[in-house]
């Protein structure tokens, strides 16, 4: 019997396929992991009008998945698309730094009134 890998996904906004593919690596339900998830959801809702897909990977359940993106610390956010790959470590509470790290500066500037 074939087993499938279970991964948690956050609802996405994608009309013609995601513009951004993000993976958030966490370790269980720690305060820092929960804060990173909350901050990422808020950031996506506020600044990412284009399509995006977020995959949450709990390394307590699937530690072998840390190797695919060379995750050394948690929480870590990995932007796989568009290339180049970018990584942000921490709880994602510094919005400006996260937008800069994801190369979404123009989105924030355009959205500012």
N, C-alpha and C. Protein backbone atom coordinates (compact mmCIF):
# COMPACT_ATOMS: atom_id res chain seq x y z
N UNK A 1 0.84 -1.18 0.00
CA UNK A 1 0.00 0.00 0.00
C UNK A 1 0.88 1.23 0.00
N UNK A 2 0.64 2.14 -0.90
CA UNK A 2 1.45 3.34 -1.06
C UNK A 2 1.05 4.39 -0.04
N UNK A 3 2.06 4.94 0.67
CA UNK A 3 1.79 6.01 1.62
C UNK A 3 2.08 7.34 0.96
N UNK A 4 1.25 8.32 1.27
CA UNK A 4 1.49 9.66 0.77
C UNK A 4 1.99 10.52 1.91
N UNK A 5 2.84 11.47 1.59
CA UNK A 5 3.35 12.39 2.60
C UNK A 5 2.29 13.44 2.89
N UNK A 6 1.98 13.59 4.15
CA UNK A 6 0.99 14.59 4.54
C UNK A 6 1.71 15.87 4.92
N UNK A 7 1.29 16.95 4.31
CA UNK A 7 1.83 18.26 4.61
C UNK A 7 0.66 19.20 4.77
N UNK A 8 0.80 20.14 5.64
CA UNK A 8 -0.25 21.11 5.88
C UNK A 8 -0.14 22.24 4.88
N UNK A 9 -1.25 22.68 4.35
CA UNK A 9 -1.25 23.82 3.44
C UNK A 9 -2.18 24.89 3.97
N UNK A 10 -1.78 26.11 3.72
CA UNK A 10 -2.59 27.27 4.06
C UNK A 10 -3.35 27.65 2.81
N UNK A 11 -4.62 28.06 2.93
CA UNK A 11 -5.37 28.44 1.73
C UNK A 11 -4.59 29.45 0.89
N UNK A 12 -4.75 29.34 -0.41
CA UNK A 12 -3.98 30.16 -1.33
C UNK A 12 -4.87 31.03 -2.18
N UNK A 13 -4.25 32.02 -2.80
CA UNK A 13 -4.92 32.81 -3.82
C UNK A 13 -4.19 32.51 -5.11
N UNK A 14 -4.78 31.73 -5.97
CA UNK A 14 -4.12 31.40 -7.22
C UNK A 14 -5.16 31.23 -8.32
N UNK A 15 -5.16 32.15 -9.26
CA UNK A 15 -6.10 32.08 -10.37
C UNK A 15 -5.53 31.21 -11.49
N UNK A 16 -4.33 31.56 -11.96
CA UNK A 16 -3.71 30.85 -13.08
C UNK A 16 -2.46 30.13 -12.62
N UNK A 17 -2.42 29.71 -11.40
CA UNK A 17 -1.22 29.09 -10.84
C UNK A 17 -0.50 30.11 -9.98
N UNK A 18 0.18 29.64 -8.97
CA UNK A 18 0.81 30.56 -8.02
C UNK A 18 2.01 31.29 -8.60
N UNK A 19 2.09 32.58 -8.28
CA UNK A 19 3.26 33.39 -8.61
C UNK A 19 4.38 33.10 -7.63
N UNK A 20 4.00 32.89 -6.38
CA UNK A 20 4.96 32.62 -5.31
C UNK A 20 4.70 31.24 -4.74
N UNK A 21 5.77 30.48 -4.55
CA UNK A 21 5.66 29.21 -3.85
C UNK A 21 6.53 29.32 -2.61
N UNK A 22 5.88 29.23 -1.45
CA UNK A 22 6.53 29.42 -0.16
C UNK A 22 6.41 28.16 0.67
N UNK A 23 7.47 27.83 1.39
CA UNK A 23 7.44 26.73 2.37
C UNK A 23 7.85 27.30 3.71
N UNK A 24 7.04 27.03 4.72
CA UNK A 24 7.36 27.44 6.08
C UNK A 24 7.69 26.20 6.89
N UNK A 25 8.92 26.11 7.33
CA UNK A 25 9.36 25.00 8.16
C UNK A 25 9.22 25.40 9.62
N UNK A 26 8.51 24.56 10.39
CA UNK A 26 8.29 24.81 11.81
C UNK A 26 8.63 23.55 12.60
N UNK A 27 8.57 23.68 13.93
CA UNK A 27 8.80 22.53 14.81
C UNK A 27 7.66 22.46 15.81
N UNK A 28 6.59 21.81 15.44
CA UNK A 28 5.46 21.66 16.35
C UNK A 28 4.70 22.96 16.56
N UNK A 29 4.03 23.01 17.69
CA UNK A 29 3.17 24.15 18.01
C UNK A 29 3.83 25.09 19.02
N UNK A 30 5.11 25.37 18.82
CA UNK A 30 5.82 26.28 19.72
C UNK A 30 5.32 27.70 19.49
N UNK A 31 5.48 28.57 20.48
CA UNK A 31 5.05 29.96 20.30
C UNK A 31 5.69 30.63 19.07
N UNK A 32 6.97 30.37 18.84
CA UNK A 32 7.65 30.98 17.70
C UNK A 32 7.10 30.45 16.37
N UNK A 33 6.80 29.15 16.32
CA UNK A 33 6.23 28.56 15.10
C UNK A 33 4.83 29.11 14.83
N UNK A 34 4.02 29.19 15.87
CA UNK A 34 2.67 29.73 15.72
C UNK A 34 2.70 31.19 15.29
N UNK A 35 3.62 31.96 15.86
CA UNK A 35 3.75 33.37 15.49
C UNK A 35 4.18 33.51 14.04
N UNK A 36 5.09 32.66 13.58
CA UNK A 36 5.53 32.70 12.19
C UNK A 36 4.37 32.39 11.25
N UNK A 37 3.55 31.39 11.58
CA UNK A 37 2.39 31.06 10.74
C UNK A 37 1.41 32.22 10.68
N UNK A 38 1.11 32.81 11.84
CA UNK A 38 0.18 33.94 11.90
C UNK A 38 0.71 35.12 11.11
N UNK A 39 1.99 35.44 11.29
CA UNK A 39 2.58 36.57 10.58
C UNK A 39 2.60 36.33 9.07
N UNK A 40 2.87 35.12 8.65
CA UNK A 40 2.89 34.82 7.22
C UNK A 40 1.50 34.94 6.61
N UNK A 41 0.48 34.42 7.29
CA UNK A 41 -0.89 34.54 6.79
C UNK A 41 -1.28 36.01 6.64
N UNK A 42 -0.95 36.82 7.66
CA UNK A 42 -1.27 38.25 7.64
C UNK A 42 -0.53 38.95 6.50
N UNK A 43 0.74 38.64 6.35
CA UNK A 43 1.55 39.24 5.30
C UNK A 43 1.00 38.90 3.92
N UNK A 44 0.65 37.65 3.70
CA UNK A 44 0.11 37.24 2.41
C UNK A 44 -1.22 37.93 2.11
N UNK A 45 -2.08 37.99 3.10
CA UNK A 45 -3.39 38.63 2.91
C UNK A 45 -3.24 40.11 2.60
N UNK A 46 -2.27 40.74 3.21
CA UNK A 46 -2.11 42.19 3.06
C UNK A 46 -1.30 42.61 1.85
N UNK A 47 -0.26 41.85 1.49
CA UNK A 47 0.68 42.32 0.47
C UNK A 47 0.79 41.48 -0.78
N UNK A 48 0.19 40.32 -0.81
CA UNK A 48 0.35 39.45 -1.98
C UNK A 48 -0.97 39.28 -2.71
N UNK A 49 -1.25 40.22 -3.59
CA UNK A 49 -2.50 40.14 -4.35
C UNK A 49 -2.40 39.11 -5.47
N UNK A 50 -1.19 38.81 -5.91
CA UNK A 50 -0.98 37.80 -6.95
C UNK A 50 -1.13 36.41 -6.32
N UNK A 51 -1.14 35.39 -7.15
CA UNK A 51 -1.29 34.03 -6.67
C UNK A 51 -0.11 33.58 -5.84
N UNK A 52 -0.39 32.83 -4.81
CA UNK A 52 0.67 32.27 -3.98
C UNK A 52 0.21 30.94 -3.40
N UNK A 53 1.18 30.13 -3.03
CA UNK A 53 0.90 28.85 -2.40
C UNK A 53 1.84 28.71 -1.21
N UNK A 54 1.30 28.37 -0.07
CA UNK A 54 2.10 28.21 1.14
C UNK A 54 1.96 26.77 1.61
N UNK A 55 3.11 26.17 1.88
CA UNK A 55 3.14 24.82 2.42
C UNK A 55 3.82 24.90 3.79
N UNK A 56 3.16 24.38 4.81
CA UNK A 56 3.73 24.36 6.15
C UNK A 56 4.24 22.95 6.42
N UNK A 57 5.52 22.85 6.78
CA UNK A 57 6.14 21.55 7.02
C UNK A 57 6.60 21.49 8.47
N UNK A 58 6.02 20.57 9.22
CA UNK A 58 6.38 20.38 10.63
C UNK A 58 7.51 19.36 10.71
N UNK A 59 8.68 19.85 11.08
CA UNK A 59 9.86 18.98 11.11
C UNK A 59 9.86 18.00 12.27
N UNK A 60 8.97 18.17 13.24
CA UNK A 60 8.84 17.15 14.28
C UNK A 60 8.19 15.90 13.71
N UNK A 61 7.34 16.09 12.72
CA UNK A 61 6.66 14.96 12.09
C UNK A 61 7.44 14.39 10.91
N UNK A 62 8.13 15.24 10.19
CA UNK A 62 8.87 14.84 8.98
C UNK A 62 10.26 15.48 8.97
N UNK A 63 11.16 15.07 9.86
CA UNK A 63 12.48 15.71 9.94
C UNK A 63 13.31 15.56 8.67
N UNK A 64 13.07 14.51 7.91
CA UNK A 64 13.85 14.29 6.69
C UNK A 64 13.61 15.36 5.62
N UNK A 65 12.51 16.10 5.73
CA UNK A 65 12.20 17.13 4.73
C UNK A 65 13.07 18.38 4.90
N UNK A 66 13.75 18.52 6.02
CA UNK A 66 14.63 19.68 6.23
C UNK A 66 15.78 19.68 5.25
N UNK A 67 16.18 18.52 4.81
CA UNK A 67 17.32 18.41 3.91
C UNK A 67 17.04 18.99 2.53
N UNK A 68 15.82 18.88 2.03
CA UNK A 68 15.53 19.32 0.67
C UNK A 68 15.77 20.81 0.47
N UNK A 69 15.54 21.63 1.49
CA UNK A 69 15.80 23.07 1.39
C UNK A 69 16.95 23.50 2.29
N UNK A 70 17.72 22.55 2.79
CA UNK A 70 18.88 22.80 3.64
C UNK A 70 18.52 23.72 4.82
N UNK A 71 17.47 23.34 5.54
CA UNK A 71 17.00 24.11 6.69
C UNK A 71 17.85 23.77 7.90
N UNK A 72 18.44 24.79 8.50
CA UNK A 72 19.29 24.61 9.67
C UNK A 72 18.69 25.20 10.94
N UNK A 73 17.74 26.11 10.80
CA UNK A 73 17.10 26.76 11.95
C UNK A 73 15.60 26.84 11.67
N UNK A 74 14.83 26.95 12.74
CA UNK A 74 13.38 27.05 12.58
C UNK A 74 12.83 28.15 13.46
N UNK A 75 11.76 28.79 13.06
CA UNK A 75 11.09 28.64 11.77
C UNK A 75 11.91 29.25 10.63
N UNK A 76 11.76 28.65 9.46
CA UNK A 76 12.41 29.14 8.24
C UNK A 76 11.37 29.19 7.13
N UNK A 77 11.33 30.33 6.44
CA UNK A 77 10.47 30.49 5.27
C UNK A 77 11.36 30.41 4.04
N UNK A 78 10.96 29.56 3.08
CA UNK A 78 11.72 29.39 1.84
C UNK A 78 10.81 29.79 0.68
N UNK A 79 11.31 30.72 -0.13
CA UNK A 79 10.60 31.08 -1.37
C UNK A 79 11.26 30.29 -2.49
N UNK A 80 10.54 29.32 -3.05
CA UNK A 80 11.07 28.50 -4.13
C UNK A 80 10.83 29.11 -5.50
N UNK A 81 9.72 29.77 -5.70
CA UNK A 81 9.41 30.47 -6.94
C UNK A 81 8.94 31.86 -6.61
N UNK A 82 9.29 32.84 -7.38
CA UNK A 82 10.21 32.81 -8.51
C UNK A 82 11.65 32.65 -8.02
N UNK A 83 12.51 32.16 -8.92
CA UNK A 83 13.91 32.01 -8.59
C UNK A 83 14.57 33.38 -8.57
N UNK A 84 15.59 33.62 -7.83
CA UNK A 84 16.36 32.69 -7.03
C UNK A 84 15.64 32.34 -5.74
N UNK A 85 16.01 31.19 -5.18
CA UNK A 85 15.46 30.74 -3.91
C UNK A 85 15.91 31.71 -2.82
N UNK A 86 14.99 32.05 -1.93
CA UNK A 86 15.31 32.95 -0.81
C UNK A 86 14.85 32.30 0.48
N UNK A 87 15.60 32.55 1.56
CA UNK A 87 15.26 31.99 2.87
C UNK A 87 15.23 33.10 3.91
N UNK A 88 14.25 33.00 4.80
CA UNK A 88 14.12 33.95 5.90
C UNK A 88 13.95 33.12 7.17
N UNK A 89 14.78 33.39 8.15
CA UNK A 89 14.73 32.66 9.41
C UNK A 89 14.13 33.56 10.48
N UNK A 90 13.22 33.02 11.27
CA UNK A 90 12.63 33.77 12.36
C UNK A 90 11.12 33.73 12.32
N UNK A 91 10.49 34.54 13.18
CA UNK A 91 9.03 34.50 13.30
C UNK A 91 8.31 35.43 12.32
N UNK A 92 9.04 36.06 11.42
CA UNK A 92 8.48 36.89 10.34
C UNK A 92 7.74 38.12 10.86
N UNK A 93 8.12 38.62 12.05
CA UNK A 93 7.42 39.76 12.63
C UNK A 93 7.88 41.10 12.07
N UNK A 94 9.05 41.16 11.45
CA UNK A 94 9.53 42.39 10.84
C UNK A 94 9.07 42.42 9.39
N UNK A 95 7.91 43.01 9.15
CA UNK A 95 7.28 42.99 7.83
C UNK A 95 8.19 43.54 6.75
N UNK A 96 8.83 44.68 7.01
CA UNK A 96 9.70 45.27 5.99
C UNK A 96 10.84 44.33 5.61
N UNK A 97 11.43 43.69 6.60
CA UNK A 97 12.54 42.77 6.34
C UNK A 97 12.06 41.55 5.56
N UNK A 98 10.87 41.04 5.89
CA UNK A 98 10.33 39.88 5.19
C UNK A 98 10.03 40.24 3.73
N UNK A 99 9.40 41.39 3.51
CA UNK A 99 9.10 41.83 2.14
C UNK A 99 10.38 42.02 1.34
N UNK A 100 11.40 42.58 1.97
CA UNK A 100 12.69 42.75 1.31
C UNK A 100 13.31 41.39 1.01
N UNK A 101 13.26 40.48 1.97
CA UNK A 101 13.81 39.14 1.79
C UNK A 101 13.11 38.35 0.71
N UNK A 102 11.81 38.55 0.56
CA UNK A 102 11.04 37.86 -0.48
C UNK A 102 11.08 38.62 -1.80
N UNK A 103 11.76 39.76 -1.79
CA UNK A 103 11.87 40.64 -2.96
C UNK A 103 10.50 41.14 -3.38
N UNK A 104 9.71 41.56 -2.40
CA UNK A 104 8.38 42.11 -2.65
C UNK A 104 8.31 43.59 -2.29
N UNK A 105 9.41 44.28 -2.33
CA UNK A 105 9.47 45.71 -1.99
C UNK A 105 8.51 46.50 -2.83
N UNK A 106 8.46 46.21 -4.14
CA UNK A 106 7.61 46.99 -5.05
C UNK A 106 6.13 46.83 -4.71
N UNK A 107 5.75 45.66 -4.25
CA UNK A 107 4.35 45.42 -3.88
C UNK A 107 3.95 46.33 -2.73
N UNK A 108 4.82 46.44 -1.72
CA UNK A 108 4.52 47.28 -0.57
C UNK A 108 4.48 48.74 -0.97
N UNK A 109 5.43 49.19 -1.78
CA UNK A 109 5.48 50.58 -2.21
C UNK A 109 4.26 50.92 -3.04
N UNK A 110 3.86 50.04 -3.93
CA UNK A 110 2.70 50.27 -4.78
C UNK A 110 1.41 50.30 -3.97
N UNK A 111 1.35 49.52 -2.91
CA UNK A 111 0.15 49.46 -2.09
C UNK A 111 0.03 50.60 -1.10
N UNK A 112 1.12 51.31 -0.84
CA UNK A 112 1.10 52.41 0.13
C UNK A 112 0.39 53.61 -0.46
N UNK A 113 -0.37 54.30 0.37
CA UNK A 113 -1.10 55.48 -0.09
C UNK A 113 -0.57 56.70 0.60
